[in-house]
N, C-alpha and C. Protein backbone atom coordinates (compact mmCIF):
# COMPACT_ATOMS: atom_id res chain seq x y z
N MET A 1 -71.16 -56.42 25.84
CA MET A 1 -71.37 -57.79 26.24
C MET A 1 -70.18 -58.22 27.11
N GLU A 2 -70.44 -58.91 28.19
CA GLU A 2 -69.37 -59.40 29.05
C GLU A 2 -68.81 -60.70 28.52
N ALA A 3 -67.49 -60.86 28.67
CA ALA A 3 -66.80 -62.09 28.31
C ALA A 3 -65.68 -62.29 29.31
N GLY A 4 -65.16 -63.50 29.37
CA GLY A 4 -64.09 -63.79 30.30
C GLY A 4 -62.84 -64.24 29.58
N PHE A 5 -61.69 -64.07 30.26
CA PHE A 5 -60.44 -64.59 29.73
C PHE A 5 -59.56 -65.02 30.89
N GLN A 6 -58.71 -65.99 30.61
CA GLN A 6 -57.76 -66.48 31.61
C GLN A 6 -56.44 -65.76 31.38
N CYS A 7 -55.92 -65.13 32.41
CA CYS A 7 -54.66 -64.40 32.31
C CYS A 7 -53.55 -65.34 31.86
N ALA A 8 -52.79 -64.90 30.86
CA ALA A 8 -51.68 -65.70 30.35
C ALA A 8 -50.50 -65.71 31.32
N GLY A 9 -50.50 -64.81 32.29
CA GLY A 9 -49.42 -64.75 33.27
C GLY A 9 -49.67 -65.58 34.51
N CYS A 10 -50.79 -65.32 35.18
CA CYS A 10 -51.05 -65.98 36.46
C CYS A 10 -52.15 -67.04 36.40
N GLY A 11 -52.91 -67.08 35.30
CA GLY A 11 -53.94 -68.10 35.15
C GLY A 11 -55.29 -67.75 35.75
N GLU A 12 -55.41 -66.59 36.38
CA GLU A 12 -56.68 -66.20 36.99
C GLU A 12 -57.68 -65.76 35.92
N TRP A 13 -58.97 -66.01 36.19
CA TRP A 13 -60.03 -65.60 35.27
C TRP A 13 -60.38 -64.15 35.50
N ASN A 14 -60.61 -63.44 34.42
CA ASN A 14 -60.95 -62.02 34.43
C ASN A 14 -62.20 -61.80 33.60
N LEU A 15 -62.96 -60.80 33.93
CA LEU A 15 -64.10 -60.39 33.11
C LEU A 15 -63.71 -59.15 32.33
N THR A 16 -64.21 -59.06 31.11
CA THR A 16 -63.98 -57.89 30.28
C THR A 16 -65.28 -57.57 29.56
N THR A 17 -65.38 -56.38 29.06
CA THR A 17 -66.55 -55.97 28.29
C THR A 17 -66.13 -55.82 26.84
N VAL A 18 -66.82 -56.55 25.96
CA VAL A 18 -66.52 -56.51 24.53
C VAL A 18 -67.44 -55.49 23.88
N ASP A 19 -66.85 -54.61 23.08
CA ASP A 19 -67.61 -53.60 22.35
C ASP A 19 -68.18 -54.27 21.10
N GLU A 20 -69.46 -54.59 21.12
CA GLU A 20 -70.08 -55.31 20.01
C GLU A 20 -70.08 -54.52 18.72
N SER A 21 -69.99 -53.19 18.80
CA SER A 21 -70.00 -52.37 17.59
C SER A 21 -68.63 -52.34 16.89
N ALA A 22 -67.60 -52.93 17.51
CA ALA A 22 -66.25 -52.90 16.95
C ALA A 22 -65.98 -54.05 15.98
N GLY A 23 -66.95 -54.90 15.73
CA GLY A 23 -66.79 -55.96 14.75
C GLY A 23 -66.65 -57.34 15.37
N ARG A 24 -66.60 -58.34 14.47
CA ARG A 24 -66.54 -59.74 14.91
C ARG A 24 -65.16 -60.17 15.36
N THR A 25 -64.12 -59.48 14.90
CA THR A 25 -62.75 -59.80 15.29
C THR A 25 -62.12 -58.54 15.87
N GLN A 26 -61.59 -58.67 17.08
CA GLN A 26 -60.99 -57.52 17.76
C GLN A 26 -59.70 -57.95 18.45
N THR A 27 -58.80 -57.00 18.63
CA THR A 27 -57.57 -57.23 19.37
C THR A 27 -57.29 -55.98 20.20
N TYR A 28 -57.05 -56.16 21.50
CA TYR A 28 -56.66 -55.06 22.35
C TYR A 28 -55.96 -55.58 23.59
N VAL A 29 -55.33 -54.68 24.33
CA VAL A 29 -54.59 -55.05 25.53
C VAL A 29 -55.40 -54.68 26.76
N GLU A 30 -55.44 -55.61 27.70
CA GLU A 30 -56.11 -55.35 28.99
C GLU A 30 -55.27 -55.97 30.09
N ASP A 31 -55.06 -55.22 31.17
CA ASP A 31 -54.29 -55.72 32.30
C ASP A 31 -55.12 -56.71 33.11
N CYS A 32 -54.43 -57.73 33.63
CA CYS A 32 -55.07 -58.70 34.51
C CYS A 32 -55.53 -57.99 35.78
N GLN A 33 -56.71 -58.32 36.25
CA GLN A 33 -57.27 -57.69 37.44
C GLN A 33 -56.62 -58.21 38.72
N VAL A 34 -55.84 -59.30 38.61
CA VAL A 34 -55.19 -59.89 39.78
C VAL A 34 -53.70 -59.53 39.83
N CYS A 35 -52.96 -59.86 38.75
CA CYS A 35 -51.50 -59.66 38.77
C CYS A 35 -51.04 -58.42 38.01
N CYS A 36 -51.94 -57.74 37.33
CA CYS A 36 -51.68 -56.49 36.59
C CYS A 36 -50.81 -56.65 35.35
N LYS A 37 -50.51 -57.87 34.91
CA LYS A 37 -49.72 -58.05 33.70
C LYS A 37 -50.60 -57.75 32.48
N PRO A 38 -50.03 -57.12 31.44
CA PRO A 38 -50.82 -56.81 30.25
C PRO A 38 -51.04 -58.07 29.40
N ASN A 39 -52.30 -58.30 29.04
CA ASN A 39 -52.67 -59.42 28.20
C ASN A 39 -53.17 -58.88 26.86
N LEU A 40 -52.65 -59.45 25.77
CA LEU A 40 -53.15 -59.13 24.44
C LEU A 40 -54.33 -60.05 24.20
N LEU A 41 -55.52 -59.46 24.10
CA LEU A 41 -56.74 -60.23 23.92
C LEU A 41 -57.10 -60.31 22.45
N CYS A 42 -57.34 -61.51 21.97
CA CYS A 42 -57.82 -61.75 20.60
C CYS A 42 -59.24 -62.25 20.74
N ILE A 43 -60.17 -61.48 20.21
CA ILE A 43 -61.60 -61.73 20.41
C ILE A 43 -62.25 -62.04 19.07
N GLU A 44 -62.99 -63.13 19.03
CA GLU A 44 -63.72 -63.51 17.82
C GLU A 44 -65.15 -63.87 18.20
N TYR A 45 -66.07 -63.42 17.36
CA TYR A 45 -67.49 -63.71 17.59
C TYR A 45 -67.86 -64.98 16.86
N ASP A 46 -68.50 -65.92 17.56
CA ASP A 46 -68.98 -67.17 16.98
C ASP A 46 -70.49 -67.02 16.76
N VAL A 47 -70.87 -66.94 15.49
CA VAL A 47 -72.27 -66.72 15.14
C VAL A 47 -73.16 -67.86 15.63
N SER A 48 -72.71 -69.11 15.44
CA SER A 48 -73.54 -70.26 15.82
C SER A 48 -73.76 -70.35 17.33
N ALA A 49 -72.75 -69.95 18.12
CA ALA A 49 -72.88 -69.98 19.58
C ALA A 49 -73.43 -68.68 20.12
N ASP A 50 -73.45 -67.63 19.29
CA ASP A 50 -73.92 -66.30 19.67
C ASP A 50 -73.17 -65.77 20.89
N GLU A 51 -71.82 -65.91 20.84
CA GLU A 51 -70.99 -65.40 21.92
C GLU A 51 -69.59 -65.10 21.41
N TYR A 52 -68.85 -64.33 22.20
CA TYR A 52 -67.46 -64.00 21.88
C TYR A 52 -66.53 -64.98 22.58
N PHE A 53 -65.47 -65.37 21.87
CA PHE A 53 -64.44 -66.22 22.45
C PHE A 53 -63.18 -65.39 22.55
N VAL A 54 -62.56 -65.43 23.73
CA VAL A 54 -61.40 -64.58 24.01
C VAL A 54 -60.19 -65.47 24.31
N THR A 55 -59.08 -65.19 23.64
CA THR A 55 -57.81 -65.84 23.97
C THR A 55 -56.84 -64.75 24.40
N ALA A 56 -55.96 -65.10 25.32
CA ALA A 56 -55.03 -64.10 25.87
C ALA A 56 -53.60 -64.62 25.80
N VAL A 57 -52.69 -63.71 25.43
CA VAL A 57 -51.25 -63.97 25.49
C VAL A 57 -50.61 -62.75 26.14
N LEU A 58 -49.47 -62.99 26.80
CA LEU A 58 -48.79 -61.86 27.43
C LEU A 58 -48.24 -60.94 26.36
N GLU A 59 -48.36 -59.64 26.61
CA GLU A 59 -47.85 -58.66 25.66
C GLU A 59 -46.37 -58.48 25.85
């Protein structure tokens, strides 16, 4: 499933693919597609909204 996150370094929006089989709560690092800074993504699935919410902080 595709989800988006705002880079914690430059503020640009990025798209990422969430592995739905990995559970409702996930954490992994992904580089920003614009500035290449590593972002620690914290992903949580919201059952009522039927979507993933992604927050990013610089690693």
